Amino acid sequence: MSGKGTITIKLVKSLNGRHDKHIATAHSLGLRRPGMVVTQPDNEATRGKIKQIAYLVEVR
């Protein structure tokens, strides 16, 4: 984690061939391409999204 109240998320796998809901979740987090890194607020909504696509992302 970096900063107070934020979480850093990196998309480590491609979205090609994934479930539509999982693609939509990644896009809602701001992740479009493998290797993209975004910073999001550390709250329940963000953690729920991460849990849904945990197999695609790396959390720092």
PDB file of N, CA and C in Angstrom:
ATOM      1  N   MET A   1       0.830  -1.180   0.000  1.00  0.00           N
ATOM      2  CA  MET A   1       0.000   0.000   0.000  1.00  0.00           C
ATOM      3  C   MET A   1       0.875   1.245   0.000  1.00  0.00           C
ATOM      4  N   SER A   2       0.402   2.236  -0.687  1.00  0.00           N
ATOM      5  CA  SER A   2       1.142   3.491  -0.718  1.00  0.00           C
ATOM      6  C   SER A   2       0.215   4.625  -0.321  1.00  0.00           C
ATOM      7  N   GLY A   3       0.668   5.459   0.603  1.00  0.00           N
ATOM      8  CA  GLY A   3      -0.162   6.568   1.034  1.00  0.00           C
ATOM      9  C   GLY A   3      -1.222   6.116   2.021  1.00  0.00           C
ATOM     10  N   LYS A   4      -1.792   7.090   2.710  1.00  0.00           N
ATOM     11  CA  LYS A   4      -2.813   6.755   3.704  1.00  0.00           C
ATOM     12  C   LYS A   4      -4.183   6.613   3.036  1.00  0.00           C
ATOM     13  N   GLY A   5      -4.790   5.469   3.244  1.00  0.00           N
ATOM     14  CA  GLY A   5      -6.123   5.256   2.723  1.00  0.00           C
ATOM     15  C   GLY A   5      -6.190   4.937   1.243  1.00  0.00           C
ATOM     16  N   THR A   6      -5.064   4.524   0.656  1.00  0.00           N
ATOM     17  CA  THR A   6      -5.078   4.151  -0.756  1.00  0.00           C
ATOM     18  C   THR A   6      -4.484   2.761  -0.926  1.00  0.00           C
ATOM     19  N   ILE A   7      -4.775   2.174  -2.061  1.00  0.00           N
ATOM     20  CA  ILE A   7      -4.270   0.847  -2.386  1.00  0.00           C
ATOM     21  C   ILE A   7      -3.823   0.872  -3.849  1.00  0.00           C
ATOM     22  N   THR A   8      -2.700   0.238  -4.144  1.00  0.00           N
ATOM     23  CA  THR A   8      -2.166   0.198  -5.501  1.00  0.00           C
ATOM     24  C   THR A   8      -2.469  -1.165  -6.108  1.00  0.00           C
ATOM     25  N   ILE A   9      -3.028  -1.155  -7.312  1.00  0.00           N
ATOM     26  CA  ILE A   9      -3.459  -2.383  -7.975  1.00  0.00           C
ATOM     27  C   ILE A   9      -2.800  -2.455  -9.347  1.00  0.00           C
ATOM     28  N   LYS A  10      -2.262  -3.626  -9.686  1.00  0.00           N
ATOM     29  CA  LYS A  10      -1.630  -3.827 -10.991  1.00  0.00           C
ATOM     30  C   LYS A  10      -2.321  -4.988 -11.700  1.00  0.00           C
ATOM     31  N   LEU A  11      -2.701  -4.783 -12.963  1.00  0.00           N
ATOM     32  CA  LEU A  11      -3.293  -5.850 -13.770  1.00  0.00           C
ATOM     33  C   LEU A  11      -2.156  -6.696 -14.323  1.00  0.00           C
ATOM     34  N   VAL A  12      -2.076  -7.963 -13.925  1.00  0.00           N
ATOM     35  CA  VAL A  12      -0.963  -8.816 -14.320  1.00  0.00           C
ATOM     36  C   VAL A  12      -1.329  -9.831 -15.401  1.00  0.00           C
ATOM     37  N   LYS A  13      -2.610 -10.016 -15.657  1.00  0.00           N
ATOM     38  CA  LYS A  13      -3.045 -10.945 -16.703  1.00  0.00           C
ATOM     39  C   LYS A  13      -3.982 -10.230 -17.655  1.00  0.00           C
ATOM     40  N   SER A  14      -4.037 -10.719 -18.874  1.00  0.00           N
ATOM     41  CA  SER A  14      -4.881 -10.127 -19.908  1.00  0.00           C
ATOM     42  C   SER A  14      -6.362 -10.331 -19.598  1.00  0.00           C
ATOM     43  N   LEU A  15      -7.172  -9.425 -20.100  1.00  0.00           N
ATOM     44  CA  LEU A  15      -8.631  -9.535 -19.938  1.00  0.00           C
ATOM     45  C   LEU A  15      -9.270 -10.335 -21.069  1.00  0.00           C
ATOM     46  N   ASN A  16      -8.494 -10.717 -22.066  1.00  0.00           N
ATOM     47  CA  ASN A  16      -9.035 -11.470 -23.196  1.00  0.00           C
ATOM     48  C   ASN A  16      -9.611 -12.805 -22.738  1.00  0.00           C
ATOM     49  N   GLY A  17     -10.840 -13.080 -23.141  1.00  0.00           N
ATOM     50  CA  GLY A  17     -11.482 -14.350 -22.842  1.00  0.00           C
ATOM     51  C   GLY A  17     -12.031 -14.474 -21.436  1.00  0.00           C
ATOM     52  N   ARG A  18     -12.027 -13.398 -20.664  1.00  0.00           N
ATOM     53  CA  ARG A  18     -12.541 -13.441 -19.292  1.00  0.00           C
ATOM     54  C   ARG A  18     -14.046 -13.192 -19.287  1.00  0.00           C
ATOM     55  N   HIS A  19     -14.673 -13.470 -18.169  1.00  0.00           N
ATOM     56  CA  HIS A  19     -16.109 -13.211 -18.018  1.00  0.00           C
ATOM     57  C   HIS A  19     -16.381 -11.720 -18.177  1.00  0.00           C
ATOM     58  N   ASP A  20     -17.504 -11.388 -18.788  1.00  0.00           N
ATOM     59  CA  ASP A  20     -17.866  -9.985 -19.012  1.00  0.00           C
ATOM     60  C   ASP A  20     -17.904  -9.187 -17.708  1.00  0.00           C
ATOM     61  N   LYS A  21     -18.402  -9.799 -16.639  1.00  0.00           N
ATOM     62  CA  LYS A  21     -18.464  -9.110 -15.346  1.00  0.00           C
ATOM     63  C   LYS A  21     -17.071  -8.796 -14.817  1.00  0.00           C
ATOM     64  N   HIS A  22     -16.127  -9.705 -15.039  1.00  0.00           N
ATOM     65  CA  HIS A  22     -14.771  -9.486 -14.560  1.00  0.00           C
ATOM     66  C   HIS A  22     -14.076  -8.393 -15.371  1.00  0.00           C
ATOM     67  N   ILE A  23     -14.342  -8.340 -16.659  1.00  0.00           N
ATOM     68  CA  ILE A  23     -13.799  -7.268 -17.500  1.00  0.00           C
ATOM     69  C   ILE A  23     -14.364  -5.930 -17.046  1.00  0.00           C
ATOM     70  N   ALA A  24     -15.661  -5.880 -16.791  1.00  0.00           N
ATOM     71  CA  ALA A  24     -16.307  -4.651 -16.336  1.00  0.00           C
ATOM     72  C   ALA A  24     -15.746  -4.210 -14.982  1.00  0.00           C
ATOM     73  N   THR A  25     -15.477  -5.158 -14.106  1.00  0.00           N
ATOM     74  CA  THR A  25     -14.902  -4.829 -12.794  1.00  0.00           C
ATOM     75  C   THR A  25     -13.511  -4.240 -12.952  1.00  0.00           C
ATOM     76  N   ALA A  26     -12.691  -4.836 -13.801  1.00  0.00           N
ATOM     77  CA  ALA A  26     -11.338  -4.312 -14.041  1.00  0.00           C
ATOM     78  C   ALA A  26     -11.419  -2.900 -14.606  1.00  0.00           C
ATOM     79  N   HIS A  27     -12.324  -2.685 -15.548  1.00  0.00           N
ATOM     80  CA  HIS A  27     -12.486  -1.354 -16.139  1.00  0.00           C
ATOM     81  C   HIS A  27     -12.963  -0.340 -15.092  1.00  0.00           C
ATOM     82  N   SER A  28     -13.816  -0.770 -14.174  1.00  0.00           N
ATOM     83  CA  SER A  28     -14.303   0.150 -13.146  1.00  0.00           C
ATOM     84  C   SER A  28     -13.182   0.566 -12.192  1.00  0.00           C
ATOM     85  N   LEU A  29     -12.161  -0.267 -12.090  1.00  0.00           N
ATOM     86  CA  LEU A  29     -10.992   0.077 -11.279  1.00  0.00           C
ATOM     87  C   LEU A  29      -9.993   0.922 -12.063  1.00  0.00           C
ATOM     88  N   GLY A  30     -10.233   1.077 -13.366  1.00  0.00           N
ATOM     89  CA  GLY A  30      -9.324   1.868 -14.199  1.00  0.00           C
ATOM     90  C   GLY A  30      -8.261   1.032 -14.881  1.00  0.00           C
ATOM     91  N   LEU A  31      -8.423  -0.281 -14.875  1.00  0.00           N
ATOM     92  CA  LEU A  31      -7.447  -1.192 -15.479  1.00  0.00           C
ATOM     93  C   LEU A  31      -7.906  -1.600 -16.865  1.00  0.00           C
ATOM     94  N   ARG A  32      -7.104  -1.307 -17.861  1.00  0.00           N
ATOM     95  CA  ARG A  32      -7.468  -1.604 -19.247  1.00  0.00           C
ATOM     96  C   ARG A  32      -6.524  -2.609 -19.906  1.00  0.00           C
ATOM     97  N   ARG A  33      -5.216  -2.483 -19.649  1.00  0.00           N
ATOM     98  CA  ARG A  33      -4.208  -3.321 -20.297  1.00  0.00           C
ATOM     99  C   ARG A  33      -3.320  -3.987 -19.254  1.00  0.00           C
ATOM    100  N   PRO A  34      -2.781  -5.163 -19.550  1.00  0.00           N
ATOM    101  CA  PRO A  34      -1.842  -5.797 -18.610  1.00  0.00           C
ATOM    102  C   PRO A  34      -0.663  -4.867 -18.349  1.00  0.00           C
ATOM    103  N   GLY A  35      -0.260  -4.811 -17.100  1.00  0.00           N
ATOM    104  CA  GLY A  35       0.849  -3.952 -16.713  1.00  0.00           C
ATOM    105  C   GLY A  35       0.414  -2.604 -16.176  1.00  0.00           C
ATOM    106  N   MET A  36      -0.865  -2.248 -16.367  1.00  0.00           N
ATOM    107  CA  MET A  36      -1.363  -0.968 -15.853  1.00  0.00           C
ATOM    108  C   MET A  36      -1.399  -0.999 -14.331  1.00  0.00           C
ATOM    109  N   VAL A  37      -1.023   0.139 -13.735  1.00  0.00           N
ATOM    110  CA  VAL A  37      -1.048   0.286 -12.282  1.00  0.00           C
ATOM    111  C   VAL A  37      -1.921   1.485 -11.948  1.00  0.00           C
ATOM    112  N   VAL A  38      -2.843   1.303 -11.012  1.00  0.00           N
ATOM    113  CA  VAL A  38      -3.717   2.389 -10.570  1.00  0.00           C
ATOM    114  C   VAL A  38      -3.713   2.452  -9.046  1.00  0.00           C
ATOM    115  N   THR A  39      -4.054   3.619  -8.538  1.00  0.00           N
ATOM    116  CA  THR A  39      -4.208   3.808  -7.103  1.00  0.00           C
ATOM    117  C   THR A  39      -5.672   4.123  -6.837  1.00  0.00           C
ATOM    118  N   GLN A  40      -6.247   3.372  -5.926  1.00  0.00           N
ATOM    119  CA  GLN A  40      -7.660   3.517  -5.588  1.00  0.00           C
ATOM    120  C   GLN A  40      -7.795   3.715  -4.085  1.00  0.00           C
ATOM    121  N   PRO A  41      -8.918   4.306  -3.639  1.00  0.00           N
ATOM    122  CA  PRO A  41      -9.130   4.435  -2.197  1.00  0.00           C
ATOM    123  C   PRO A  41      -9.292   3.055  -1.559  1.00  0.00           C
ATOM    124  N   ASP A  42      -8.754   2.917  -0.358  1.00  0.00           N
ATOM    125  CA  ASP A  42      -8.839   1.644   0.358  1.00  0.00           C
ATOM    126  C   ASP A  42     -10.153   1.621   1.139  1.00  0.00           C
ATOM    127  N   ASN A  43     -11.186   1.061   0.505  1.00  0.00           N
ATOM    128  CA  ASN A  43     -12.497   0.952   1.156  1.00  0.00           C
ATOM    129  C   ASN A  43     -13.132  -0.386   0.804  1.00  0.00           C
ATOM    130  N   GLU A  44     -14.289  -0.638   1.347  1.00  0.00           N
ATOM    131  CA  GLU A  44     -14.960  -1.927   1.149  1.00  0.00           C
ATOM    132  C   GLU A  44     -15.314  -2.183  -0.318  1.00  0.00           C
ATOM    133  N   ALA A  45     -15.737  -1.150  -1.031  1.00  0.00           N
ATOM    134  CA  ALA A  45     -16.120  -1.324  -2.436  1.00  0.00           C
ATOM    135  C   ALA A  45     -14.913  -1.739  -3.270  1.00  0.00           C
ATOM    136  N   THR A  46     -13.793  -1.069  -3.070  1.00  0.00           N
ATOM    137  CA  THR A  46     -12.585  -1.400  -3.822  1.00  0.00           C
ATOM    138  C   THR A  46     -12.105  -2.805  -3.483  1.00  0.00           C
ATOM    139  N   ARG A  47     -12.122  -3.142  -2.199  1.00  0.00           N
ATOM    140  CA  ARG A  47     -11.679  -4.482  -1.792  1.00  0.00           C
ATOM    141  C   ARG A  47     -12.595  -5.573  -2.347  1.00  0.00           C
ATOM    142  N   GLY A  48     -13.888  -5.310  -2.460  1.00  0.00           N
ATOM    143  CA  GLY A  48     -14.815  -6.268  -3.053  1.00  0.00           C
ATOM    144  C   GLY A  48     -14.518  -6.499  -4.524  1.00  0.00           C
ATOM    145  N   LYS A  49     -14.196  -5.415  -5.243  1.00  0.00           N
ATOM    146  CA  LYS A  49     -13.841  -5.535  -6.660  1.00  0.00           C
ATOM    147  C   LYS A  49     -12.559  -6.335  -6.816  1.00  0.00           C
ATOM    148  N   ILE A  50     -11.580  -6.067  -5.962  1.00  0.00           N
ATOM    149  CA  ILE A  50     -10.311  -6.793  -6.020  1.00  0.00           C
ATOM    150  C   ILE A  50     -10.539  -8.278  -5.751  1.00  0.00           C
ATOM    151  N   LYS A  51     -11.390  -8.582  -4.791  1.00  0.00           N
ATOM    152  CA  LYS A  51     -11.675  -9.979  -4.452  1.00  0.00           C
ATOM    153  C   LYS A  51     -12.272 -10.721  -5.637  1.00  0.00           C
ATOM    154  N   GLN A  52     -13.122 -10.027  -6.411  1.00  0.00           N
ATOM    155  CA  GLN A  52     -13.774 -10.660  -7.556  1.00  0.00           C
ATOM    156  C   GLN A  52     -12.776 -11.012  -8.653  1.00  0.00           C
ATOM    157  N   ILE A  53     -11.754 -10.177  -8.846  1.00  0.00           N
ATOM    158  CA  ILE A  53     -10.792 -10.420  -9.925  1.00  0.00           C
ATOM    159  C   ILE A  53      -9.385 -10.654  -9.388  1.00  0.00           C
ATOM    160  N   ALA A  54      -9.297 -11.267  -8.208  1.00  0.00           N
ATOM    161  CA  ALA A  54      -8.006 -11.485  -7.544  1.00  0.00           C
ATOM    162  C   ALA A  54      -7.037 -12.292  -8.415  1.00  0.00           C
ATOM    163  N   TYR A  55      -7.546 -13.163  -9.273  1.00  0.00           N
ATOM    164  CA  TYR A  55      -6.689 -13.979 -10.120  1.00  0.00           C
ATOM    165  C   TYR A  55      -6.074 -13.200 -11.275  1.00  0.00           C
ATOM    166  N   LEU A  56      -6.508 -11.949 -11.470  1.00  0.00           N
ATOM    167  CA  LEU A  56      -5.999 -11.113 -12.556  1.00  0.00           C
ATOM    168  C   LEU A  56      -5.078  -9.993 -12.073  1.00  0.00           C
ATOM    169  N   VAL A  57      -5.108  -9.691 -10.787  1.00  0.00           N
ATOM    170  CA  VAL A  57      -4.418  -8.497 -10.283  1.00  0.00           C
ATOM    171  C   VAL A  57      -3.403  -8.838  -9.199  1.00  0.00           C
ATOM    172  N   GLU A  58      -2.534  -7.848  -8.971  1.00  0.00           N
ATOM    173  CA  GLU A  58      -1.557  -7.909  -7.879  1.00  0.00           C
ATOM    174  C   GLU A  58      -1.775  -6.641  -7.057  1.00  0.00           C
ATOM    175  N   VAL A  59      -1.903  -6.794  -5.758  1.00  0.00           N
ATOM    176  CA  VAL A  59      -2.156  -5.654  -4.873  1.00  0.00           C
ATOM    177  C   VAL A  59      -0.885  -5.343  -4.110  1.00  0.00           C
ATOM    178  N   ARG A  60      -0.529  -4.045  -4.109  1.00  0.00           N
ATOM    179  CA  ARG A  60       0.679  -3.627  -3.387  1.00  0.00           C
ATOM    180  C   ARG A  60       0.312  -2.676  -2.290  1.00  0.00           C
TER     181      ARG A  60
END
